[in-house]
N, C-alpha and C. Protein backbone atom coordinates (compact mmCIF):
# COMPACT_ATOMS: atom_id res chain seq x y z
N GLN A 1 36.36 22.91 -29.14
CA GLN A 1 37.28 22.08 -28.38
C GLN A 1 38.28 21.38 -29.31
N LYS A 2 39.54 21.24 -28.86
CA LYS A 2 40.55 20.56 -29.67
C LYS A 2 40.17 19.12 -29.94
N SER A 3 39.46 18.51 -29.00
CA SER A 3 39.09 17.10 -29.14
C SER A 3 37.93 16.88 -30.10
N LYS A 4 37.30 17.98 -30.54
CA LYS A 4 36.14 17.91 -31.42
C LYS A 4 34.95 17.24 -30.74
N LYS A 5 34.95 17.20 -29.42
CA LYS A 5 33.85 16.59 -28.68
C LYS A 5 32.85 17.67 -28.25
N PHE A 6 31.58 17.29 -28.21
CA PHE A 6 30.56 18.19 -27.70
C PHE A 6 30.43 17.97 -26.20
N LEU A 7 30.26 19.08 -25.47
CA LEU A 7 30.21 19.03 -24.02
C LEU A 7 28.81 19.37 -23.52
N LEU A 8 28.50 18.92 -22.32
CA LEU A 8 27.27 19.29 -21.64
C LEU A 8 27.64 19.93 -20.32
N LYS A 9 27.17 21.17 -20.11
CA LYS A 9 27.46 21.88 -18.86
C LYS A 9 26.18 22.20 -18.11
N ARG A 10 26.33 22.44 -16.82
CA ARG A 10 25.20 22.81 -15.99
C ARG A 10 24.67 24.18 -16.42
N GLY A 11 23.37 24.39 -16.15
CA GLY A 11 22.78 25.68 -16.42
C GLY A 11 23.25 26.72 -15.41
N VAL A 12 23.13 27.99 -15.78
CA VAL A 12 23.56 29.08 -14.90
C VAL A 12 22.75 29.11 -13.60
N ASP A 13 21.45 28.83 -13.70
CA ASP A 13 20.58 28.86 -12.54
C ASP A 13 20.70 27.53 -11.80
N GLU A 14 21.48 27.52 -10.74
CA GLU A 14 21.76 26.28 -10.02
C GLU A 14 20.49 25.64 -9.47
N ASN A 15 19.52 26.45 -9.07
CA ASN A 15 18.29 25.92 -8.49
C ASN A 15 17.37 25.29 -9.53
N LYS A 16 17.56 25.63 -10.80
CA LYS A 16 16.69 25.12 -11.85
C LYS A 16 17.46 24.25 -12.86
N ASP A 17 18.70 23.99 -12.59
CA ASP A 17 19.53 23.21 -13.50
C ASP A 17 18.94 21.81 -13.72
N GLN A 18 18.86 21.39 -14.98
CA GLN A 18 18.27 20.10 -15.33
C GLN A 18 19.31 19.09 -15.82
N SER A 19 20.58 19.39 -15.64
CA SER A 19 21.61 18.51 -16.20
C SER A 19 21.57 17.11 -15.61
N TYR A 20 21.05 16.97 -14.39
CA TYR A 20 20.94 15.64 -13.77
C TYR A 20 20.13 14.70 -14.67
N PHE A 21 19.14 15.23 -15.37
CA PHE A 21 18.27 14.41 -16.21
C PHE A 21 18.81 14.22 -17.63
N LEU A 22 19.91 14.88 -17.94
CA LEU A 22 20.42 14.88 -19.32
C LEU A 22 21.70 14.07 -19.50
N TYR A 23 22.13 13.36 -18.44
CA TYR A 23 23.44 12.71 -18.48
C TYR A 23 23.53 11.57 -19.50
N ARG A 24 22.40 11.12 -20.02
CA ARG A 24 22.44 10.02 -20.99
C ARG A 24 22.61 10.51 -22.43
N LEU A 25 22.72 11.82 -22.61
CA LEU A 25 23.01 12.34 -23.95
C LEU A 25 24.40 11.90 -24.37
N ASN A 26 24.62 11.84 -25.70
CA ASN A 26 25.92 11.38 -26.20
C ASN A 26 26.35 12.19 -27.41
N GLN A 27 27.45 11.81 -28.00
CA GLN A 27 28.02 12.56 -29.12
C GLN A 27 27.18 12.46 -30.39
N GLU A 28 26.28 11.51 -30.48
CA GLU A 28 25.39 11.40 -31.64
C GLU A 28 24.22 12.38 -31.53
N ILE A 29 23.81 12.68 -30.31
CA ILE A 29 22.64 13.52 -30.09
C ILE A 29 22.99 14.98 -29.87
N LEU A 30 24.06 15.24 -29.12
CA LEU A 30 24.39 16.61 -28.72
C LEU A 30 24.56 17.61 -29.88
N PRO A 31 25.09 17.20 -31.03
CA PRO A 31 25.22 18.19 -32.12
C PRO A 31 23.91 18.78 -32.60
N TYR A 32 22.79 18.15 -32.25
CA TYR A 32 21.49 18.60 -32.75
C TYR A 32 20.64 19.24 -31.66
N ILE A 33 21.24 19.57 -30.52
CA ILE A 33 20.48 20.12 -29.40
C ILE A 33 20.97 21.52 -29.04
N LEU A 34 20.01 22.38 -28.75
CA LEU A 34 20.32 23.71 -28.22
C LEU A 34 19.58 23.87 -26.89
N PHE A 35 20.20 24.55 -25.96
CA PHE A 35 19.57 24.87 -24.67
C PHE A 35 19.58 26.38 -24.50
N PRO A 36 18.66 27.07 -25.16
CA PRO A 36 18.69 28.55 -25.20
C PRO A 36 18.49 29.22 -23.84
N LEU A 37 17.91 28.52 -22.87
CA LEU A 37 17.66 29.13 -21.56
C LEU A 37 18.74 28.79 -20.55
N GLY A 38 19.73 28.04 -20.96
CA GLY A 38 20.76 27.60 -20.03
C GLY A 38 21.58 28.71 -19.42
N LYS A 39 21.63 29.85 -20.07
CA LYS A 39 22.45 30.96 -19.58
C LYS A 39 21.63 31.98 -18.79
N PHE A 40 20.35 31.68 -18.54
CA PHE A 40 19.49 32.62 -17.83
C PHE A 40 19.06 32.07 -16.48
N LYS A 41 18.87 33.00 -15.52
CA LYS A 41 18.23 32.66 -14.26
C LYS A 41 16.72 32.62 -14.49
N LYS A 42 15.99 32.00 -13.55
CA LYS A 42 14.54 31.86 -13.71
C LYS A 42 13.84 33.21 -13.82
N ASN A 43 14.26 34.18 -12.98
CA ASN A 43 13.60 35.50 -13.03
C ASN A 43 13.85 36.19 -14.37
N GLN A 44 15.02 35.96 -14.96
CA GLN A 44 15.31 36.53 -16.27
C GLN A 44 14.43 35.89 -17.35
N THR A 45 14.21 34.59 -17.21
CA THR A 45 13.36 33.88 -18.16
C THR A 45 11.93 34.38 -18.09
N ARG A 46 11.45 34.65 -16.88
CA ARG A 46 10.09 35.18 -16.73
C ARG A 46 9.97 36.56 -17.39
N LYS A 47 10.99 37.39 -17.22
CA LYS A 47 10.98 38.72 -17.83
C LYS A 47 10.94 38.63 -19.35
N LEU A 48 11.70 37.70 -19.89
CA LEU A 48 11.68 37.50 -21.34
C LEU A 48 10.30 37.02 -21.82
N ALA A 49 9.71 36.09 -21.06
CA ALA A 49 8.39 35.58 -21.42
C ALA A 49 7.35 36.70 -21.41
N LYS A 50 7.44 37.58 -20.41
CA LYS A 50 6.52 38.72 -20.33
C LYS A 50 6.75 39.68 -21.50
N LYS A 51 8.02 39.93 -21.79
CA LYS A 51 8.37 40.85 -22.88
C LYS A 51 7.78 40.39 -24.21
N TYR A 52 7.79 39.06 -24.46
CA TYR A 52 7.32 38.54 -25.73
C TYR A 52 5.86 38.07 -25.69
N GLY A 53 5.16 38.45 -24.61
CA GLY A 53 3.73 38.22 -24.56
C GLY A 53 3.28 36.80 -24.30
N LEU A 54 4.11 36.01 -23.66
CA LEU A 54 3.72 34.63 -23.33
C LEU A 54 2.81 34.64 -22.10
N LYS A 55 1.67 33.98 -22.21
CA LYS A 55 0.66 34.04 -21.17
C LYS A 55 1.09 33.38 -19.87
N ASN A 56 2.03 32.45 -19.93
CA ASN A 56 2.39 31.71 -18.72
C ASN A 56 3.62 32.29 -18.01
N TYR A 57 3.92 33.56 -18.25
CA TYR A 57 5.13 34.15 -17.68
C TYR A 57 5.11 34.21 -16.15
N LYS A 58 3.92 34.20 -15.56
CA LYS A 58 3.84 34.23 -14.10
C LYS A 58 3.12 32.99 -13.54
N LYS A 59 3.18 31.92 -14.29
CA LYS A 59 2.54 30.67 -13.87
C LYS A 59 3.21 30.13 -12.60
N THR A 60 2.39 29.62 -11.67
CA THR A 60 2.90 29.04 -10.43
C THR A 60 3.73 27.80 -10.73
N GLU A 61 4.84 27.67 -10.04
CA GLU A 61 5.71 26.52 -10.27
C GLU A 61 5.17 25.27 -9.61
N SER A 62 5.41 24.12 -10.25
CA SER A 62 5.05 22.84 -9.67
C SER A 62 6.20 22.34 -8.81
N GLN A 63 5.89 21.90 -7.59
CA GLN A 63 6.91 21.39 -6.69
C GLN A 63 6.96 19.86 -6.68
N GLU A 64 5.98 19.23 -7.33
CA GLU A 64 5.91 17.77 -7.35
C GLU A 64 6.06 17.28 -8.79
N ILE A 65 5.67 16.04 -9.03
CA ILE A 65 5.76 15.47 -10.38
C ILE A 65 4.72 16.16 -11.26
N CYS A 66 5.18 16.85 -12.28
CA CYS A 66 4.31 17.79 -12.99
C CYS A 66 3.19 17.11 -13.77
N PHE A 67 3.35 15.83 -14.16
CA PHE A 67 2.34 15.20 -15.00
C PHE A 67 1.32 14.38 -14.18
N ILE A 68 1.42 14.42 -12.85
CA ILE A 68 0.49 13.66 -12.01
C ILE A 68 -0.54 14.61 -11.41
N ARG A 69 -1.79 14.38 -11.75
CA ARG A 69 -2.87 15.26 -11.29
C ARG A 69 -3.02 15.18 -9.77
N ASP A 70 -3.19 16.34 -9.16
CA ASP A 70 -3.40 16.46 -7.71
C ASP A 70 -2.23 15.93 -6.89
N ASP A 71 -1.09 15.73 -7.52
CA ASP A 71 0.12 15.23 -6.83
C ASP A 71 -0.13 13.88 -6.13
N ASN A 72 -1.13 13.13 -6.61
CA ASN A 72 -1.46 11.83 -6.00
C ASN A 72 -0.74 10.73 -6.77
N TYR A 73 0.54 10.53 -6.42
CA TYR A 73 1.32 9.56 -7.18
C TYR A 73 0.90 8.12 -6.87
N ARG A 74 0.35 7.87 -5.69
CA ARG A 74 -0.12 6.52 -5.37
C ARG A 74 -1.27 6.11 -6.29
N LYS A 75 -2.19 7.03 -6.52
CA LYS A 75 -3.31 6.77 -7.42
C LYS A 75 -2.78 6.50 -8.83
N PHE A 76 -1.79 7.28 -9.25
CA PHE A 76 -1.18 7.12 -10.57
C PHE A 76 -0.57 5.72 -10.71
N LEU A 77 0.16 5.28 -9.68
CA LEU A 77 0.79 3.96 -9.72
C LEU A 77 -0.25 2.85 -9.78
N VAL A 78 -1.32 2.98 -9.00
CA VAL A 78 -2.37 1.97 -9.01
C VAL A 78 -3.01 1.87 -10.39
N GLN A 79 -3.20 3.00 -11.04
CA GLN A 79 -3.81 3.00 -12.37
C GLN A 79 -2.94 2.32 -13.41
N HIS A 80 -1.61 2.38 -13.22
CA HIS A 80 -0.70 1.89 -14.25
C HIS A 80 -0.01 0.57 -13.94
N ILE A 81 0.21 0.27 -12.67
CA ILE A 81 0.93 -0.97 -12.35
C ILE A 81 0.26 -1.71 -11.19
N GLU A 82 -1.07 -1.70 -11.18
CA GLU A 82 -1.80 -2.30 -10.06
C GLU A 82 -1.43 -3.77 -9.84
N ASP A 83 -1.18 -4.52 -10.92
CA ASP A 83 -0.90 -5.95 -10.79
C ASP A 83 0.41 -6.23 -10.06
N THR A 84 1.31 -5.25 -10.01
CA THR A 84 2.61 -5.48 -9.36
C THR A 84 2.64 -5.02 -7.91
N ILE A 85 1.56 -4.40 -7.45
CA ILE A 85 1.52 -3.86 -6.09
C ILE A 85 0.91 -4.89 -5.15
N LYS A 86 1.73 -5.43 -4.27
CA LYS A 86 1.28 -6.47 -3.35
C LYS A 86 1.69 -6.11 -1.91
N PRO A 87 0.77 -6.22 -0.97
CA PRO A 87 1.12 -5.96 0.43
C PRO A 87 2.20 -6.93 0.92
N GLY A 88 2.98 -6.47 1.90
CA GLY A 88 4.03 -7.31 2.46
C GLY A 88 4.34 -6.86 3.87
N LYS A 89 5.50 -7.26 4.38
CA LYS A 89 5.84 -6.99 5.77
C LYS A 89 6.92 -5.93 5.92
N PHE A 90 6.76 -5.10 6.95
CA PHE A 90 7.86 -4.28 7.47
C PHE A 90 8.61 -5.13 8.49
N ILE A 91 9.93 -5.15 8.42
CA ILE A 91 10.72 -5.85 9.42
C ILE A 91 11.87 -4.96 9.87
N ASN A 92 12.46 -5.26 11.02
CA ASN A 92 13.66 -4.54 11.43
C ASN A 92 14.90 -5.29 10.97
N LYS A 93 16.07 -4.81 11.31
CA LYS A 93 17.32 -5.42 10.84
C LYS A 93 17.49 -6.86 11.33
N GLU A 94 16.85 -7.18 12.46
CA GLU A 94 16.96 -8.53 13.02
C GLU A 94 15.91 -9.47 12.45
N GLY A 95 15.02 -8.93 11.59
CA GLY A 95 14.01 -9.77 10.97
C GLY A 95 12.67 -9.80 11.69
N LYS A 96 12.53 -9.03 12.76
CA LYS A 96 11.28 -9.00 13.50
C LYS A 96 10.23 -8.23 12.70
N ILE A 97 9.03 -8.80 12.61
CA ILE A 97 7.94 -8.16 11.87
C ILE A 97 7.40 -6.97 12.66
N LEU A 98 7.32 -5.82 11.99
CA LEU A 98 6.87 -4.58 12.63
C LEU A 98 5.49 -4.15 12.16
N GLY A 99 5.02 -4.74 11.07
CA GLY A 99 3.73 -4.34 10.52
C GLY A 99 3.66 -4.72 9.06
N GLU A 100 2.61 -4.22 8.41
CA GLU A 100 2.38 -4.55 7.00
C GLU A 100 2.46 -3.31 6.14
N HIS A 101 3.18 -3.42 5.01
CA HIS A 101 3.22 -2.31 4.05
C HIS A 101 2.19 -2.55 2.95
N GLN A 102 1.87 -1.49 2.21
CA GLN A 102 0.80 -1.55 1.22
C GLN A 102 1.29 -1.93 -0.18
N GLY A 103 2.61 -2.03 -0.33
CA GLY A 103 3.17 -2.36 -1.65
C GLY A 103 4.46 -1.61 -1.86
N ILE A 104 5.50 -2.31 -2.29
CA ILE A 104 6.83 -1.72 -2.41
C ILE A 104 6.89 -0.43 -3.23
N PRO A 105 6.13 -0.31 -4.35
CA PRO A 105 6.23 0.93 -5.14
C PRO A 105 5.85 2.20 -4.39
N PHE A 106 5.19 2.07 -3.24
CA PHE A 106 4.75 3.25 -2.48
C PHE A 106 5.81 3.79 -1.53
N TYR A 107 6.98 3.16 -1.48
CA TYR A 107 7.98 3.53 -0.48
C TYR A 107 9.35 3.76 -1.13
N THR A 108 10.19 4.54 -0.43
CA THR A 108 11.52 4.81 -0.94
C THR A 108 12.52 4.84 0.22
N ILE A 109 13.78 4.65 -0.10
CA ILE A 109 14.82 4.67 0.92
C ILE A 109 14.86 6.04 1.61
N GLY A 110 14.93 6.02 2.95
CA GLY A 110 14.96 7.26 3.71
C GLY A 110 13.61 7.74 4.17
N GLN A 111 12.54 7.11 3.70
CA GLN A 111 11.19 7.56 4.05
C GLN A 111 10.89 7.29 5.52
N ARG A 112 10.26 8.26 6.17
CA ARG A 112 9.80 8.09 7.55
C ARG A 112 8.30 8.31 7.66
N LYS A 113 7.81 9.35 7.00
CA LYS A 113 6.39 9.67 7.08
C LYS A 113 5.58 8.77 6.13
N GLY A 114 4.34 8.57 6.49
CA GLY A 114 3.44 7.83 5.61
C GLY A 114 3.67 6.34 5.56
N LEU A 115 4.34 5.79 6.58
CA LEU A 115 4.57 4.34 6.58
C LEU A 115 3.30 3.57 6.91
N GLY A 116 2.39 4.20 7.64
CA GLY A 116 1.12 3.55 7.96
C GLY A 116 1.22 2.46 8.98
N VAL A 117 2.22 2.56 9.86
CA VAL A 117 2.40 1.55 10.89
C VAL A 117 2.81 2.24 12.19
N SER A 118 2.30 1.76 13.31
CA SER A 118 2.61 2.35 14.61
C SER A 118 3.91 1.76 15.14
N LEU A 119 4.86 2.65 15.47
CA LEU A 119 6.17 2.21 15.93
C LEU A 119 6.51 2.85 17.27
N SER A 120 7.37 2.20 18.03
CA SER A 120 7.73 2.69 19.35
C SER A 120 8.76 3.81 19.29
N LYS A 121 9.40 3.98 18.14
CA LYS A 121 10.38 5.04 17.96
C LYS A 121 10.41 5.46 16.50
N ARG A 122 11.11 6.53 16.21
CA ARG A 122 11.21 7.04 14.85
C ARG A 122 12.07 6.08 14.01
N MET A 123 11.51 5.59 12.91
CA MET A 123 12.23 4.64 12.06
C MET A 123 12.08 5.04 10.60
N TYR A 124 13.03 4.58 9.80
CA TYR A 124 13.11 4.95 8.39
C TYR A 124 13.23 3.69 7.53
N VAL A 125 12.84 3.83 6.27
CA VAL A 125 13.08 2.76 5.31
C VAL A 125 14.58 2.75 4.99
N ILE A 126 15.27 1.67 5.34
CA ILE A 126 16.71 1.60 5.08
C ILE A 126 17.06 0.62 3.97
N LYS A 127 16.12 -0.28 3.64
CA LYS A 127 16.37 -1.23 2.55
C LYS A 127 15.04 -1.79 2.07
N ILE A 128 14.98 -2.08 0.77
CA ILE A 128 13.79 -2.68 0.17
C ILE A 128 14.21 -3.97 -0.52
N ASN A 129 13.63 -5.08 -0.10
CA ASN A 129 13.92 -6.37 -0.72
C ASN A 129 12.72 -6.77 -1.57
N SER A 130 12.81 -6.46 -2.86
CA SER A 130 11.68 -6.70 -3.75
C SER A 130 11.45 -8.19 -4.00
N HIS A 131 12.50 -9.00 -3.92
CA HIS A 131 12.36 -10.44 -4.16
C HIS A 131 11.53 -11.10 -3.06
N GLN A 132 11.71 -10.67 -1.82
CA GLN A 132 10.94 -11.23 -0.71
C GLN A 132 9.75 -10.35 -0.33
N ASN A 133 9.60 -9.22 -1.02
CA ASN A 133 8.51 -8.28 -0.78
C ASN A 133 8.48 -7.81 0.67
N VAL A 134 9.68 -7.50 1.20
CA VAL A 134 9.76 -6.96 2.56
C VAL A 134 10.49 -5.62 2.53
N ILE A 135 10.15 -4.76 3.48
CA ILE A 135 10.80 -3.46 3.63
C ILE A 135 11.45 -3.43 5.01
N ILE A 136 12.74 -3.12 5.05
CA ILE A 136 13.48 -3.11 6.30
C ILE A 136 13.52 -1.70 6.86
N LEU A 137 13.16 -1.57 8.13
CA LEU A 137 13.17 -0.28 8.82
C LEU A 137 14.33 -0.24 9.80
N GLY A 138 14.90 0.95 9.98
CA GLY A 138 16.01 1.11 10.90
C GLY A 138 16.15 2.55 11.35
N ASP A 139 17.28 2.85 11.97
CA ASP A 139 17.54 4.19 12.47
C ASP A 139 18.12 5.09 11.38
N ASP A 140 18.11 6.38 11.64
CA ASP A 140 18.66 7.33 10.67
C ASP A 140 20.13 7.04 10.35
N LYS A 141 20.89 6.63 11.34
CA LYS A 141 22.32 6.35 11.13
C LYS A 141 22.54 5.20 10.15
N ASP A 142 21.54 4.33 10.00
CA ASP A 142 21.66 3.20 9.08
C ASP A 142 21.56 3.62 7.62
N LEU A 143 21.17 4.86 7.39
CA LEU A 143 20.98 5.35 6.02
C LEU A 143 22.26 5.84 5.37
N TYR A 144 23.34 5.98 6.15
CA TYR A 144 24.56 6.59 5.62
C TYR A 144 25.53 5.54 5.09
N LYS A 145 25.94 5.73 3.82
CA LYS A 145 26.90 4.84 3.17
C LYS A 145 27.98 5.69 2.49
N ASP A 146 29.19 5.14 2.40
CA ASP A 146 30.27 5.92 1.78
C ASP A 146 30.68 5.39 0.42
N LYS A 147 29.94 4.42 -0.11
CA LYS A 147 30.27 3.90 -1.44
C LYS A 147 29.02 3.33 -2.09
N LEU A 148 29.08 3.21 -3.40
CA LEU A 148 27.99 2.58 -4.16
C LEU A 148 28.51 2.06 -5.49
N LEU A 149 27.79 1.12 -6.06
CA LEU A 149 28.10 0.58 -7.38
C LEU A 149 27.15 1.17 -8.41
N VAL A 150 27.66 1.39 -9.62
CA VAL A 150 26.87 2.00 -10.69
C VAL A 150 26.89 1.10 -11.92
N LYS A 151 25.71 0.86 -12.50
CA LYS A 151 25.58 0.08 -13.73
C LYS A 151 24.96 0.96 -14.82
N ASP A 152 24.77 0.40 -16.01
CA ASP A 152 24.15 1.12 -17.14
C ASP A 152 24.80 2.48 -17.34
N LEU A 153 26.10 2.47 -17.47
CA LEU A 153 26.88 3.71 -17.53
C LEU A 153 26.75 4.42 -18.87
N ASN A 154 26.84 5.74 -18.81
CA ASN A 154 26.98 6.55 -20.02
C ASN A 154 27.97 7.68 -19.74
N PHE A 155 29.04 7.74 -20.54
CA PHE A 155 29.98 8.85 -20.48
C PHE A 155 29.75 9.70 -21.72
N ILE A 156 29.45 10.97 -21.52
CA ILE A 156 29.02 11.85 -22.60
C ILE A 156 30.08 11.98 -23.70
N SER A 157 31.34 11.91 -23.31
CA SER A 157 32.42 12.04 -24.30
C SER A 157 32.48 10.85 -25.25
N GLY A 158 31.88 9.73 -24.84
CA GLY A 158 31.98 8.50 -25.62
C GLY A 158 33.18 7.66 -25.25
N ASP A 159 34.06 8.23 -24.42
CA ASP A 159 35.24 7.48 -23.97
C ASP A 159 34.85 6.55 -22.81
N THR A 160 35.69 5.57 -22.58
CA THR A 160 35.49 4.68 -21.45
C THR A 160 36.47 5.06 -20.34
N LEU A 161 36.13 4.72 -19.13
CA LEU A 161 36.97 5.02 -17.98
C LEU A 161 38.14 4.04 -17.94
N SER A 162 39.36 4.58 -17.89
CA SER A 162 40.55 3.72 -17.86
C SER A 162 41.24 3.76 -16.50
N ASP A 163 41.18 4.92 -15.83
CA ASP A 163 41.79 5.06 -14.51
C ASP A 163 40.78 5.70 -13.56
N SER A 164 41.08 5.62 -12.29
CA SER A 164 40.25 6.28 -11.29
C SER A 164 40.31 7.80 -11.50
N ILE A 165 39.19 8.47 -11.29
CA ILE A 165 39.15 9.92 -11.44
C ILE A 165 38.46 10.56 -10.24
N LYS A 166 38.91 11.76 -9.90
CA LYS A 166 38.24 12.56 -8.87
C LYS A 166 37.13 13.34 -9.54
N THR A 167 35.98 13.35 -8.91
CA THR A 167 34.84 14.02 -9.49
C THR A 167 33.88 14.44 -8.39
N GLU A 168 32.76 15.03 -8.77
CA GLU A 168 31.68 15.34 -7.84
C GLU A 168 30.44 14.59 -8.32
N VAL A 169 29.66 14.13 -7.37
CA VAL A 169 28.58 13.20 -7.69
C VAL A 169 27.27 13.67 -7.06
N LYS A 170 26.18 13.52 -7.84
CA LYS A 170 24.83 13.76 -7.30
C LYS A 170 24.08 12.43 -7.31
N ILE A 171 23.51 12.05 -6.16
CA ILE A 171 22.79 10.79 -6.08
C ILE A 171 21.29 10.97 -6.27
N ARG A 172 20.83 12.21 -6.35
CA ARG A 172 19.44 12.51 -6.68
C ARG A 172 19.37 13.94 -7.18
N TYR A 173 18.27 14.30 -7.80
CA TYR A 173 18.16 15.60 -8.45
C TYR A 173 18.42 16.76 -7.50
N ASN A 174 17.79 16.71 -6.33
CA ASN A 174 17.85 17.88 -5.43
C ASN A 174 18.97 17.77 -4.39
N SER A 175 19.90 16.86 -4.58
CA SER A 175 21.03 16.77 -3.64
C SER A 175 22.18 17.64 -4.12
N LYS A 176 23.08 17.96 -3.21
CA LYS A 176 24.27 18.71 -3.57
C LYS A 176 25.34 17.77 -4.13
N LYS A 177 26.21 18.32 -4.95
CA LYS A 177 27.33 17.52 -5.47
C LYS A 177 28.28 17.19 -4.33
N SER A 178 28.76 15.96 -4.32
CA SER A 178 29.66 15.51 -3.25
C SER A 178 30.95 14.97 -3.85
N PRO A 179 32.11 15.37 -3.31
CA PRO A 179 33.40 14.87 -3.83
C PRO A 179 33.50 13.36 -3.69
N ALA A 180 34.05 12.72 -4.73
CA ALA A 180 34.17 11.27 -4.72
C ALA A 180 35.24 10.83 -5.71
N ILE A 181 35.64 9.59 -5.60
CA ILE A 181 36.55 8.97 -6.56
C ILE A 181 35.80 7.84 -7.26
N ILE A 182 35.87 7.85 -8.60
CA ILE A 182 35.20 6.82 -9.40
C ILE A 182 36.26 5.87 -9.94
N SER A 183 36.04 4.57 -9.74
CA SER A 183 36.99 3.56 -10.19
C SER A 183 36.27 2.47 -10.96
N LEU A 184 36.97 1.85 -11.90
CA LEU A 184 36.40 0.72 -12.62
C LEU A 184 36.10 -0.42 -11.66
N TYR A 185 35.00 -1.12 -11.92
CA TYR A 185 34.63 -2.29 -11.12
C TYR A 185 34.11 -3.34 -12.09
N GLY A 186 35.01 -4.21 -12.51
CA GLY A 186 34.65 -5.15 -13.56
C GLY A 186 34.64 -4.48 -14.92
N GLU A 187 33.92 -5.06 -15.86
CA GLU A 187 33.94 -4.56 -17.24
C GLU A 187 32.93 -3.45 -17.50
N ASP A 188 31.81 -3.46 -16.78
CA ASP A 188 30.74 -2.54 -17.15
C ASP A 188 30.13 -1.81 -15.97
N ARG A 189 30.86 -1.73 -14.87
CA ARG A 189 30.37 -0.98 -13.71
C ARG A 189 31.49 -0.12 -13.14
N VAL A 190 31.12 0.85 -12.29
CA VAL A 190 32.12 1.63 -11.57
C VAL A 190 31.76 1.64 -10.09
N LEU A 191 32.78 1.81 -9.28
CA LEU A 191 32.63 1.94 -7.84
C LEU A 191 32.88 3.39 -7.46
N ILE A 192 31.97 3.97 -6.70
CA ILE A 192 32.12 5.35 -6.23
C ILE A 192 32.42 5.33 -4.74
N ASN A 193 33.54 5.95 -4.37
CA ASN A 193 33.90 6.13 -2.97
C ASN A 193 33.79 7.61 -2.62
N PHE A 194 32.90 7.93 -1.70
CA PHE A 194 32.67 9.31 -1.30
C PHE A 194 33.63 9.74 -0.21
N GLU A 195 33.98 11.03 -0.22
CA GLU A 195 34.78 11.58 0.87
C GLU A 195 34.01 11.54 2.18
N LYS A 196 32.70 11.82 2.09
CA LYS A 196 31.84 11.79 3.27
C LYS A 196 30.64 10.89 2.97
N PRO A 197 30.18 10.11 3.97
CA PRO A 197 29.03 9.24 3.76
C PRO A 197 27.80 10.02 3.27
N GLN A 198 27.03 9.37 2.41
CA GLN A 198 25.84 9.98 1.84
C GLN A 198 24.59 9.33 2.42
N ARG A 199 23.56 10.14 2.61
CA ARG A 199 22.32 9.64 3.22
C ARG A 199 21.34 9.14 2.16
N ALA A 200 20.78 7.97 2.42
CA ALA A 200 19.68 7.41 1.63
C ALA A 200 20.06 7.19 0.16
N ILE A 201 21.18 6.51 -0.07
CA ILE A 201 21.53 6.08 -1.42
C ILE A 201 20.49 5.05 -1.87
N THR A 202 19.87 5.29 -3.01
CA THR A 202 18.70 4.52 -3.41
C THR A 202 18.93 3.75 -4.71
N PRO A 203 18.99 2.41 -4.64
CA PRO A 203 19.13 1.61 -5.87
C PRO A 203 18.01 1.91 -6.86
N GLY A 204 18.39 1.99 -8.14
CA GLY A 204 17.42 2.29 -9.19
C GLY A 204 17.38 3.75 -9.58
N GLN A 205 17.89 4.64 -8.72
CA GLN A 205 17.95 6.05 -9.06
C GLN A 205 19.21 6.34 -9.89
N SER A 206 19.16 7.44 -10.61
CA SER A 206 20.32 7.87 -11.38
C SER A 206 21.35 8.54 -10.48
N VAL A 207 22.62 8.32 -10.82
CA VAL A 207 23.72 9.02 -10.17
C VAL A 207 24.51 9.71 -11.28
N VAL A 208 24.86 10.98 -11.09
CA VAL A 208 25.46 11.77 -12.16
C VAL A 208 26.81 12.31 -11.71
N PHE A 209 27.78 12.27 -12.65
CA PHE A 209 29.15 12.68 -12.35
C PHE A 209 29.44 14.06 -12.96
N TYR A 210 30.11 14.90 -12.17
CA TYR A 210 30.47 16.25 -12.62
C TYR A 210 31.95 16.52 -12.36
N GLN A 211 32.52 17.39 -13.19
CA GLN A 211 33.81 18.01 -12.90
C GLN A 211 33.61 19.50 -13.12
N GLY A 212 33.46 20.22 -12.00
CA GLY A 212 33.07 21.62 -12.11
C GLY A 212 31.68 21.72 -12.66
N ASP A 213 31.50 22.53 -13.73
CA ASP A 213 30.19 22.66 -14.37
C ASP A 213 29.99 21.64 -15.49
N LEU A 214 30.99 20.84 -15.74
CA LEU A 214 30.93 19.87 -16.83
C LEU A 214 30.27 18.57 -16.37
N VAL A 215 29.29 18.10 -17.13
CA VAL A 215 28.65 16.83 -16.85
C VAL A 215 29.46 15.73 -17.54
N ILE A 216 30.03 14.84 -16.75
CA ILE A 216 30.86 13.76 -17.30
C ILE A 216 29.99 12.61 -17.81
N GLY A 217 28.97 12.27 -17.04
CA GLY A 217 28.10 11.15 -17.39
C GLY A 217 27.38 10.67 -16.14
N GLY A 218 27.00 9.40 -16.15
CA GLY A 218 26.30 8.85 -15.00
C GLY A 218 25.84 7.44 -15.25
N GLY A 219 24.96 6.96 -14.39
CA GLY A 219 24.45 5.60 -14.51
C GLY A 219 23.37 5.36 -13.48
N ILE A 220 23.07 4.09 -13.26
CA ILE A 220 22.01 3.69 -12.33
C ILE A 220 22.63 3.05 -11.09
N ILE A 221 22.18 3.50 -9.93
CA ILE A 221 22.67 2.94 -8.66
C ILE A 221 22.21 1.49 -8.54
N GLN A 222 23.15 0.60 -8.30
CA GLN A 222 22.84 -0.83 -8.22
C GLN A 222 22.47 -1.22 -6.79
């Protein structure tokens, strides 16, 4: 590149691309990294593994968090952060108590199943108030937002954002990229305005910016 900058691009296999997790890389780290499988599809990688005698070439894929035994993430959380897990209340948007939750770490924005409370209609987690230890439930339509704020930014080029830019954004690993405009918001945050409202934007999750196959950077949803 004329700019002498190192770039990060998405892998060829869109279904297995891991660039969402790599957006915090920078110009100090990238010169020392190689991604030899980035140009291969998963089936091609398996064929190579078989060719070179690797025993795990036909290993079953994990669909959940790979380091949690039996996919029991609640048990994992209890083992590691039991002191922070405290029961609290489910409430609706008007503040009416709907039931009791088992602890904020067990729930996420957009969740409907596994709430453990009997309701008169289908309801979803639309907001989590950790300071008051309450979880707000609402309708599916309440989950859609067309903007969000981002903190803890990292731009892979090392440059800072000076003007608004058109880009594509992923708000979670398995979501599709969505067209948006990113603008400065104060000194250390950006505001993202989406062309179309996004479902279940979740504070604390990573949001990653793309231009085509190029990973621009990302940050944490505030």
